[in-house]
């Protein structure tokens, strides 16, 4: 199993180009199951989760031609597609549940394994199932699989999600695209990745409109061939902005619209970072002394992203004073805390709030990743630690960050991947 060796502390300087968004690519790739005609998806990130989704589509019968750089996929579906998403394909990634909506909408049946993925909490799929049932899907759970079918096309309905759920919103938008009549989805998640999905579907002739947290979908009979470029990865961009703030860096972050991380950039400004934003890039300078932020709370978009919580916690460890972070999205998302404590962090957890002492002098140690964002938090801490850190189980990182060690090396981090 690969691990990283990082020799800290490092000074960050230079520029970094942000890859395509993993969290936007996954639902867009799942939605290609709705098409009879060729679809071209550009700007895919070269990360493990994307390979998993492409392999899942191939197992269902899609023919996929990847460009030389593997960032563009040309996808054709067979006349007769399979509708079985096996456990072996689905176990490593929660996003694979997103094939359920398109399979039931287009082929009227599906046997989809209950998903796996990061160990960050229950993330139940009951919202997906209850809402799809309202569109006419019948299902039962058996032996770890969802056995689903519908009598012909799904039928539009009025649905209000009991809680805001990114995955359920995506699955329902995809399913309702080919449903008969009108679907109104209320209390939707409105993350930029979801807007990217609806933009993609509309580019192929879908009829989807937004009004606040309400999504209005007029079903169409079929979708046209389309070519679409996936948005940039805002979590990757946010991670690099935190790195620059943390390590007194001077960094140019290229290839994304800064407004998608406005909330996080405003937080970094409060810690003392000097930030200039342009149409498709960010210039960020880290402060000599990081100011603490009393209360950071994760929240659905446009609040602070839960996917940025672990990175911000590392930043607060280095701030000159006390701070706290409350995690409101996932109940099991403080698994990085024990590992940060091994590097010297003083963090106290009570319920869903972490109280952070600040003024941490990180000292290199051997640590272990538990999930995707926790892994990157350990990398950030190692960058500003004195001495060598070994970060184990970095396969979590490979799921969501494209060759992060190459990007970090380029901006001054002493990092090595050890096979």
Protein backbone atom coordinates (compact mmCIF):
# COMPACT_ATOMS: atom_id res chain seq x y z
CA UNK A 1 0.00 0.00 0.00
CA UNK A 2 1.39 3.43 -0.95
CA UNK A 3 2.22 6.08 1.63
CA UNK A 4 3.53 9.66 1.58
CA UNK A 5 6.72 10.86 3.19
CA UNK A 6 6.63 14.61 3.87
CA UNK A 7 9.58 16.55 5.22
CA UNK A 8 8.38 19.73 6.92
CA UNK A 9 8.06 22.58 7.38
CA UNK A 10 7.65 23.65 3.73
CA UNK A 11 7.15 27.07 2.13
CA UNK A 12 4.42 27.23 -0.51
CA UNK A 13 4.97 29.34 -3.61
CA UNK A 14 3.98 29.24 -7.27
CA UNK A 15 0.80 28.25 -9.10
CA UNK A 16 -1.53 25.29 -9.20
CA UNK A 17 -4.12 24.30 -11.82
CA UNK A 18 -7.36 22.89 -10.44
CA UNK A 19 -8.70 19.66 -11.97
CA UNK A 20 -12.29 18.88 -12.93
CA UNK A 21 -14.75 18.27 -10.10
CA UNK A 22 -15.11 14.68 -8.90
CA UNK A 23 -18.43 15.50 -7.18
CA UNK A 24 -19.86 17.00 -10.40
CA UNK A 25 -18.45 14.30 -12.72
CA UNK A 26 -20.04 11.38 -10.85
CA UNK A 27 -23.73 12.39 -11.25
CA UNK A 28 -23.07 13.61 -14.82
CA UNK A 29 -21.53 10.24 -15.75
CA UNK A 30 -24.45 8.40 -14.08
CA UNK A 31 -26.89 10.57 -16.09
CA UNK A 32 -25.32 9.42 -19.38
CA UNK A 33 -27.32 6.19 -18.86
CA UNK A 34 -30.42 8.17 -19.98
CA UNK A 35 -29.01 8.68 -23.50
CA UNK A 36 -29.48 6.72 -26.75
CA UNK A 37 -27.04 9.04 -28.54
CA UNK A 38 -23.34 9.73 -28.07
CA UNK A 39 -22.27 11.92 -25.14
CA UNK A 40 -18.86 13.56 -24.72
CA UNK A 41 -17.80 14.59 -21.19
CA UNK A 42 -14.68 16.77 -20.88
CA UNK A 43 -12.47 17.90 -17.97
CA UNK A 44 -12.87 14.67 -15.96
CA UNK A 45 -10.39 14.47 -13.07
CA UNK A 46 -8.02 11.49 -13.16
CA UNK A 47 -8.99 10.05 -9.79
CA UNK A 48 -10.02 6.59 -8.58
CA UNK A 49 -13.72 7.37 -8.07
CA UNK A 50 -14.04 8.38 -11.74
CA UNK A 51 -12.43 5.10 -12.87
CA UNK A 52 -14.86 3.24 -10.60
CA UNK A 53 -17.86 5.02 -12.17
CA UNK A 54 -16.57 4.46 -15.74
CA UNK A 55 -16.06 0.75 -14.97
CA UNK A 56 -19.57 0.60 -13.50
CA UNK A 57 -21.01 2.14 -16.70
CA UNK A 58 -19.02 -0.37 -18.80
CA UNK A 59 -20.39 -3.24 -16.70
CA UNK A 60 -23.91 -1.98 -17.55
CA UNK A 61 -23.10 -2.02 -21.28
CA UNK A 62 -21.82 1.50 -22.06
CA UNK A 63 -18.99 1.71 -24.58
CA UNK A 64 -16.46 4.31 -23.43
CA UNK A 65 -13.57 5.78 -25.42
CA UNK A 66 -11.13 7.81 -23.32
CA UNK A 67 -8.88 10.49 -24.79
CA UNK A 68 -5.10 10.06 -24.49
CA UNK A 69 -4.96 12.24 -21.35
CA UNK A 70 -8.04 10.35 -19.95
CA UNK A 71 -9.83 13.64 -19.28
CA UNK A 72 -12.44 13.29 -22.04
CA UNK A 73 -14.85 10.35 -22.28
CA UNK A 74 -16.95 9.56 -25.35
CA UNK A 75 -19.86 7.40 -24.24
CA UNK A 76 -22.27 5.29 -26.36
CA UNK A 77 -24.99 3.10 -24.85
CA UNK A 78 -26.13 -0.18 -26.37
CA UNK A 79 -29.74 -0.73 -27.40
CA UNK A 80 -29.99 -3.37 -24.70
CA UNK A 81 -28.25 -2.34 -21.49
CA UNK A 82 -27.76 -4.41 -18.34
CA UNK A 83 -29.48 -3.18 -15.19
CA UNK A 84 -27.42 -4.98 -12.53
CA UNK A 85 -24.99 -2.81 -10.50
CA UNK A 86 -23.04 -5.43 -8.54
CA UNK A 87 -21.62 -5.13 -5.03
CA UNK A 88 -18.08 -5.65 -6.35
CA UNK A 89 -18.47 -2.49 -8.49
CA UNK A 90 -20.33 -0.40 -5.93
CA UNK A 91 -18.68 -1.25 -2.59
CA UNK A 92 -15.86 1.31 -2.77
CA UNK A 93 -17.93 4.36 -3.64
CA UNK A 94 -21.17 5.87 -2.37
CA UNK A 95 -21.70 7.83 -5.58
CA UNK A 96 -22.55 4.59 -7.39
CA UNK A 97 -26.10 4.73 -5.96
CA UNK A 98 -26.64 7.46 -8.60
CA UNK A 99 -27.14 4.80 -11.31
CA UNK A 100 -30.42 3.73 -9.66
CA UNK A 101 -32.40 6.80 -10.85
CA UNK A 102 -31.37 6.62 -14.54
CA UNK A 103 -31.73 2.81 -14.76
CA UNK A 104 -35.29 2.83 -13.40
CA UNK A 105 -36.19 5.89 -15.50
CA UNK A 106 -34.86 4.52 -18.80
CA UNK A 107 -35.08 0.72 -18.46
CA UNK A 108 -37.85 0.39 -15.84
CA UNK A 109 -35.86 -2.03 -13.66
CA UNK A 110 -32.66 -2.24 -11.67
CA UNK A 111 -30.81 -4.43 -9.21
CA UNK A 112 -28.40 -2.08 -7.46
CA UNK A 113 -26.16 -2.92 -4.54
CA UNK A 114 -26.40 -0.79 -1.41
CA UNK A 115 -23.31 1.46 -1.57
CA UNK A 116 -20.01 1.68 0.33
CA UNK A 117 -17.47 4.56 0.48
CA UNK A 118 -15.97 6.67 3.28
CA UNK A 119 -16.60 5.88 6.96
CA UNK A 120 -18.04 9.28 7.78
CA UNK A 121 -21.50 8.42 9.02
CA UNK A 122 -24.75 6.75 8.09
CA UNK A 123 -25.61 8.80 4.97
CA UNK A 124 -28.86 6.84 4.54
CA UNK A 125 -30.33 6.33 1.07
CA UNK A 126 -33.91 6.24 2.37
CA UNK A 127 -34.52 9.76 0.93
CA UNK A 128 -33.57 8.46 -2.54
CA UNK A 129 -35.88 5.45 -2.22
CA UNK A 130 -38.89 7.27 -0.74
CA UNK A 131 -38.74 9.98 -3.42
CA UNK A 132 -38.28 7.53 -6.34
CA UNK A 133 -41.28 5.59 -4.99
CA UNK A 134 -43.37 8.76 -5.43
CA UNK A 135 -42.39 8.78 -9.13
CA UNK A 136 -43.70 5.19 -9.44
CA UNK A 137 -40.73 2.97 -8.55
CA UNK A 138 -41.55 -0.18 -6.58
CA UNK A 139 -38.70 -1.77 -4.66
CA UNK A 140 -37.63 -4.26 -2.03
CA UNK A 141 -34.34 -4.68 -0.20
CA UNK A 142 -32.89 -8.19 -0.38
CA UNK A 143 -29.40 -9.57 0.37
CA UNK A 144 -27.83 -6.09 0.33
CA UNK A 145 -29.45 -5.14 -3.00
CA UNK A 146 -32.23 -2.77 -4.02
CA UNK A 147 -34.53 -4.68 -6.39
CA UNK A 148 -36.48 -1.99 -8.20
CA UNK A 149 -38.95 -1.82 -11.07
CA UNK A 150 -41.63 0.40 -12.55
CA UNK A 151 -44.61 -0.15 -14.85
CA UNK A 152 -43.33 1.74 -17.87
CA UNK A 153 -42.23 5.36 -17.60
CA UNK A 154 -42.00 7.10 -14.23
CA UNK A 155 -44.67 9.74 -13.63
CA UNK A 156 -44.01 13.29 -12.48
CA UNK A 157 -44.91 14.16 -8.88
CA UNK A 158 -44.56 16.83 -6.19
CA UNK A 159 -41.85 15.81 -3.77
CA UNK A 160 -40.49 17.56 -0.70
CA UNK A 161 -37.29 16.13 0.77
CA UNK A 162 -37.51 15.84 4.60
CA UNK A 163 -33.85 16.89 4.79
CA UNK A 164 -31.49 18.48 2.30
CA UNK A 165 -29.56 15.67 0.58
CA UNK A 166 -27.09 16.12 -2.27
CA UNK A 167 -27.30 12.51 -3.50
CA UNK A 168 -31.09 12.27 -3.32
CA UNK A 169 -31.48 15.60 -5.16
CA UNK A 170 -29.16 14.36 -7.95
CA UNK A 171 -30.81 10.94 -8.26
CA UNK A 172 -34.29 12.47 -8.49
CA UNK A 173 -33.32 15.14 -11.04
CA UNK A 174 -31.80 12.44 -13.26
CA UNK A 175 -34.81 10.11 -12.87
CA UNK A 176 -37.41 12.85 -13.44
CA UNK A 177 -35.74 14.04 -16.67
CA UNK A 178 -37.44 11.23 -18.66
CA UNK A 179 -40.55 10.92 -16.45
CA UNK A 180 -44.01 11.68 -17.89
CA UNK A 181 -45.24 15.17 -17.00
CA UNK A 182 -44.03 17.63 -14.38
CA UNK A 183 -41.95 16.96 -11.30
CA UNK A 184 -41.47 19.55 -8.55
CA UNK A 185 -38.68 18.86 -6.09
CA UNK A 186 -38.70 20.99 -2.93
CA UNK A 187 -36.05 21.45 -0.22
CA UNK A 188 -33.32 20.47 -2.70
CA UNK A 189 -29.59 20.69 -2.19
CA UNK A 190 -28.29 23.50 -4.44
CA UNK A 191 -24.52 22.82 -4.43
CA UNK A 192 -22.68 24.08 -7.56
CA UNK A 193 -22.15 20.43 -8.62
CA UNK A 194 -25.94 19.93 -8.76
CA UNK A 195 -26.35 23.07 -10.88
CA UNK A 196 -23.61 21.63 -13.14
CA UNK A 197 -25.61 18.41 -13.51
CA UNK A 198 -28.77 20.32 -14.52
CA UNK A 199 -26.75 22.46 -16.95
CA UNK A 200 -25.43 19.26 -18.55
CA UNK A 201 -28.92 17.74 -18.85
CA UNK A 202 -30.37 20.99 -20.25
CA UNK A 203 -27.55 21.06 -22.85
CA UNK A 204 -29.02 17.76 -24.14
CA UNK A 205 -32.63 19.03 -24.29
CA UNK A 206 -33.89 18.42 -20.74
CA UNK A 207 -36.33 20.98 -19.33
CA UNK A 208 -35.10 21.83 -15.85
CA UNK A 209 -35.54 25.15 -14.04
CA UNK A 210 -34.55 26.38 -10.58
CA UNK A 211 -36.26 28.69 -8.13
CA UNK A 212 -34.34 28.84 -4.85
CA UNK A 213 -34.34 25.33 -3.35
CA UNK A 214 -37.12 24.19 -5.71
CA UNK A 215 -36.32 22.32 -8.93
CA UNK A 216 -38.97 22.16 -11.67
CA UNK A 217 -38.58 19.38 -14.24
CA UNK A 218 -40.74 18.93 -17.32
CA UNK A 219 -40.14 15.37 -18.50
CA UNK A 220 -38.91 14.81 -22.07
CA UNK A 221 -39.14 11.64 -24.21
CA UNK A 222 -35.43 11.47 -25.00
CA UNK A 223 -32.16 13.42 -24.82
CA UNK A 224 -29.98 14.65 -27.69
CA UNK A 225 -26.28 14.08 -28.21
CA UNK A 226 -24.19 16.65 -26.30
CA UNK A 227 -20.63 17.67 -25.46
CA UNK A 228 -20.09 19.08 -21.96
CA UNK A 229 -17.19 20.35 -19.85
CA UNK A 230 -17.38 19.56 -16.13
CA UNK A 231 -16.82 22.43 -13.66
CA UNK A 232 -13.56 22.75 -11.66
CA UNK A 233 -13.21 21.04 -8.28
CA UNK A 234 -14.02 23.60 -5.59
CA UNK A 235 -12.86 21.33 -2.75
CA UNK A 236 -9.44 20.87 -4.36
CA UNK A 237 -9.25 24.65 -4.85
CA UNK A 238 -10.30 25.28 -1.23
CA UNK A 239 -7.69 22.79 -0.01
CA UNK A 240 -4.87 24.59 -1.84
CA UNK A 241 -6.11 27.96 -0.55
CA UNK A 242 -5.97 26.58 3.02
CA UNK A 243 -2.44 25.25 2.33
CA UNK A 244 -1.29 28.73 1.24
CA UNK A 245 -2.88 30.36 4.31
CA UNK A 246 -1.40 27.75 6.63
CA UNK A 247 2.16 27.86 5.32
CA UNK A 248 2.58 31.64 4.88
CA UNK A 249 2.41 30.90 1.14
CA UNK A 250 2.08 32.93 -2.01
CA UNK A 251 -0.07 30.99 -4.44
CA UNK A 252 -1.95 31.43 -7.70
CA UNK A 253 -4.90 29.02 -7.96
CA UNK A 254 -5.93 28.69 -11.61
CA UNK A 255 -8.83 27.32 -13.63
CA UNK A 256 -11.88 27.91 -11.44
CA UNK A 257 -14.55 30.51 -10.75
CA UNK A 258 -13.79 31.94 -7.29
CA UNK A 259 -17.50 32.44 -6.45
CA UNK A 260 -17.93 28.67 -5.89
CA UNK A 261 -15.72 28.94 -2.75
CA UNK A 262 -16.71 32.46 -1.68
CA UNK A 263 -17.76 31.32 1.83
CA UNK A 264 -14.44 29.58 2.44
CA UNK A 265 -12.41 32.49 0.99
CA UNK A 266 -14.24 34.91 3.32
CA UNK A 267 -13.22 32.67 6.25
CA UNK A 268 -9.58 32.67 5.11
CA UNK A 269 -9.65 36.47 4.88
CA UNK A 270 -10.77 36.55 8.53
CA UNK A 271 -7.69 34.50 9.47
CA UNK A 272 -5.48 37.16 7.85
CA UNK A 273 -4.98 35.82 4.31
CA UNK A 274 -4.73 38.44 1.55
CA UNK A 275 -6.88 37.30 -1.37
CA UNK A 276 -7.50 38.73 -4.83
CA UNK A 277 -10.03 37.08 -7.12
CA UNK A 278 -10.26 37.25 -10.91
CA UNK A 279 -12.64 35.65 -13.39
CA UNK A 280 -10.92 32.24 -13.36
CA UNK A 281 -8.18 32.46 -10.74
CA UNK A 282 -7.34 33.35 -7.14
CA UNK A 283 -4.18 34.97 -5.77
CA UNK A 284 -3.67 34.15 -2.11
CA UNK A 285 -1.00 35.16 0.41
CA UNK A 286 -0.86 33.54 3.83
CA UNK A 287 -0.46 35.66 6.96
CA UNK A 288 2.58 35.59 9.27
CA UNK A 289 0.21 35.10 12.20
CA UNK A 290 -3.05 33.18 11.68
CA UNK A 291 -6.06 34.66 13.51
CA UNK A 292 -8.47 32.20 15.16
CA UNK A 293 -12.17 32.04 14.24
CA UNK A 294 -14.37 31.46 17.31
CA UNK A 295 -17.13 29.41 15.68
CA UNK A 296 -16.97 27.67 12.30
CA UNK A 297 -20.07 25.65 11.41
CA UNK A 298 -20.47 23.37 8.39
CA UNK A 299 -23.73 23.77 6.54
CA UNK A 300 -25.34 22.98 3.20
CA UNK A 301 -24.33 25.25 0.31
CA UNK A 302 -23.86 28.21 0.44
CA UNK A 303 -22.51 27.52 3.97
CA UNK A 304 -19.07 26.18 4.85
CA UNK A 305 -18.61 22.86 3.01
CA UNK A 306 -18.37 19.75 5.19
CA UNK A 307 -15.67 18.59 2.74
CA UNK A 308 -13.52 21.55 3.92
CA UNK A 309 -13.98 20.93 7.66
CA UNK A 310 -10.85 18.79 8.24
CA UNK A 311 -8.62 21.23 6.31
CA UNK A 312 -9.96 24.22 8.27
CA UNK A 313 -9.34 22.33 11.51
CA UNK A 314 -5.62 22.06 10.68
CA UNK A 315 -5.58 25.80 9.99
CA UNK A 316 -7.22 26.53 13.37
CA UNK A 317 -4.61 24.33 15.11
CA UNK A 318 -1.99 26.81 13.87
CA UNK A 319 -4.07 29.91 14.71
CA UNK A 320 -2.96 32.15 17.59
CA UNK A 321 -5.79 31.34 20.00
CA UNK A 322 -8.89 29.23 20.63
CA UNK A 323 -11.50 28.29 18.04
CA UNK A 324 -14.23 25.71 17.48
CA UNK A 325 -15.72 23.78 14.57
CA UNK A 326 -19.22 22.32 14.60
CA UNK A 327 -19.96 19.57 12.07
CA UNK A 328 -23.65 19.70 11.10
CA UNK A 329 -23.70 17.42 8.04
CA UNK A 330 -22.11 14.08 8.97
CA UNK A 331 -22.09 12.53 12.43
CA UNK A 332 -18.80 10.65 12.12
CA UNK A 333 -16.54 13.21 10.56
CA UNK A 334 -13.90 13.84 13.22
CA UNK A 335 -11.84 10.72 12.53
CA UNK A 336 -8.81 12.84 11.64
CA UNK A 337 -8.69 14.33 15.16
CA UNK A 338 -6.87 11.38 16.81
CA UNK A 339 -4.23 11.46 14.06
CA UNK A 340 -3.78 15.25 14.32
CA UNK A 341 -3.29 14.74 18.07
CA UNK A 342 -0.41 12.36 17.24
CA UNK A 343 1.24 15.32 15.47
CA UNK A 344 0.69 17.53 18.54
CA UNK A 345 -2.77 19.10 18.10
CA UNK A 346 -4.80 20.00 21.19
CA UNK A 347 -8.41 19.27 20.23
CA UNK A 348 -11.33 18.38 22.47
CA UNK A 349 -14.52 16.86 21.06
CA UNK A 350 -17.94 17.19 22.59
CA UNK A 351 -20.90 15.85 20.57
CA UNK A 352 -20.50 17.40 17.10
CA UNK A 353 -18.19 20.27 18.13
CA UNK A 354 -14.39 20.26 18.18
CA UNK A 355 -12.73 22.80 20.48
CA UNK A 356 -9.23 23.69 19.28
CA UNK A 357 -6.52 25.22 21.51
CA UNK A 358 -4.43 26.78 18.72
CA UNK A 359 -0.71 27.69 18.71
CA UNK A 360 0.11 24.06 17.85
CA UNK A 361 3.72 23.20 17.12
CA UNK A 362 3.21 20.19 14.88
CA UNK A 363 5.97 17.57 15.06
CA UNK A 364 6.32 14.95 12.30
CA UNK A 365 5.02 11.44 13.08
CA UNK A 366 3.54 8.38 11.45
CA UNK A 367 -0.22 8.77 10.87
CA UNK A 368 -3.04 6.96 9.10
CA UNK A 369 -5.86 8.18 6.84
CA UNK A 370 -9.47 7.24 7.57
CA UNK A 371 -11.31 8.96 4.71
CA UNK A 372 -10.72 11.24 1.74
CA UNK A 373 -10.79 14.69 3.39
CA UNK A 374 -9.17 13.46 6.61
CA UNK A 375 -6.21 12.26 4.50
CA UNK A 376 -5.66 15.68 2.99
CA UNK A 377 -5.87 17.29 6.44
CA UNK A 378 -2.97 15.08 7.54
CA UNK A 379 -0.99 16.14 4.45
CA UNK A 380 -1.59 19.82 5.34
CA UNK A 381 -0.51 19.27 8.94
CA UNK A 382 2.64 17.44 7.77
CA UNK A 383 3.53 20.39 5.48
CA UNK A 384 3.80 22.67 8.55
CA UNK A 385 5.27 20.05 10.94
CA UNK A 386 8.86 19.96 12.08
CA UNK A 387 10.51 16.79 10.76
CA UNK A 388 9.35 13.80 8.78
CA UNK A 389 5.76 12.53 8.61
CA UNK A 390 4.63 9.25 7.09
CA UNK A 391 1.00 9.24 5.94
CA UNK A 392 -0.39 5.72 5.48
CA UNK A 393 -3.43 4.49 3.51
CA UNK A 394 -3.31 7.29 0.95
CA UNK A 395 -5.56 5.31 -1.41
CA UNK A 396 -8.32 7.45 0.16
CA UNK A 397 -6.58 10.54 -1.28
CA UNK A 398 -6.30 8.96 -4.73
CA UNK A 399 -10.09 8.64 -4.76
CA UNK A 400 -10.55 12.41 -4.92
CA UNK A 401 -7.31 14.33 -5.56
CA UNK A 402 -5.56 14.04 -8.91
CA UNK A 403 -1.85 13.26 -8.38
CA UNK A 404 -1.75 15.61 -5.39
CA UNK A 405 1.93 14.91 -4.70
CA UNK A 406 2.93 16.26 -8.15
CA UNK A 407 0.93 19.45 -7.60
CA UNK A 408 2.38 19.90 -4.10
CA UNK A 409 5.97 19.26 -5.27
CA UNK A 410 5.57 21.96 -7.90
CA UNK A 411 4.72 24.56 -5.23
CA UNK A 412 7.53 23.70 -2.83
CA UNK A 413 6.35 20.78 -0.68
CA UNK A 414 8.97 18.10 0.06
CA UNK A 415 6.77 15.07 -0.57
CA UNK A 416 7.50 11.57 -1.83
CA UNK A 417 5.17 8.68 -2.66
CA UNK A 418 6.59 5.43 -1.32
CA UNK A 419 5.31 2.24 -2.94
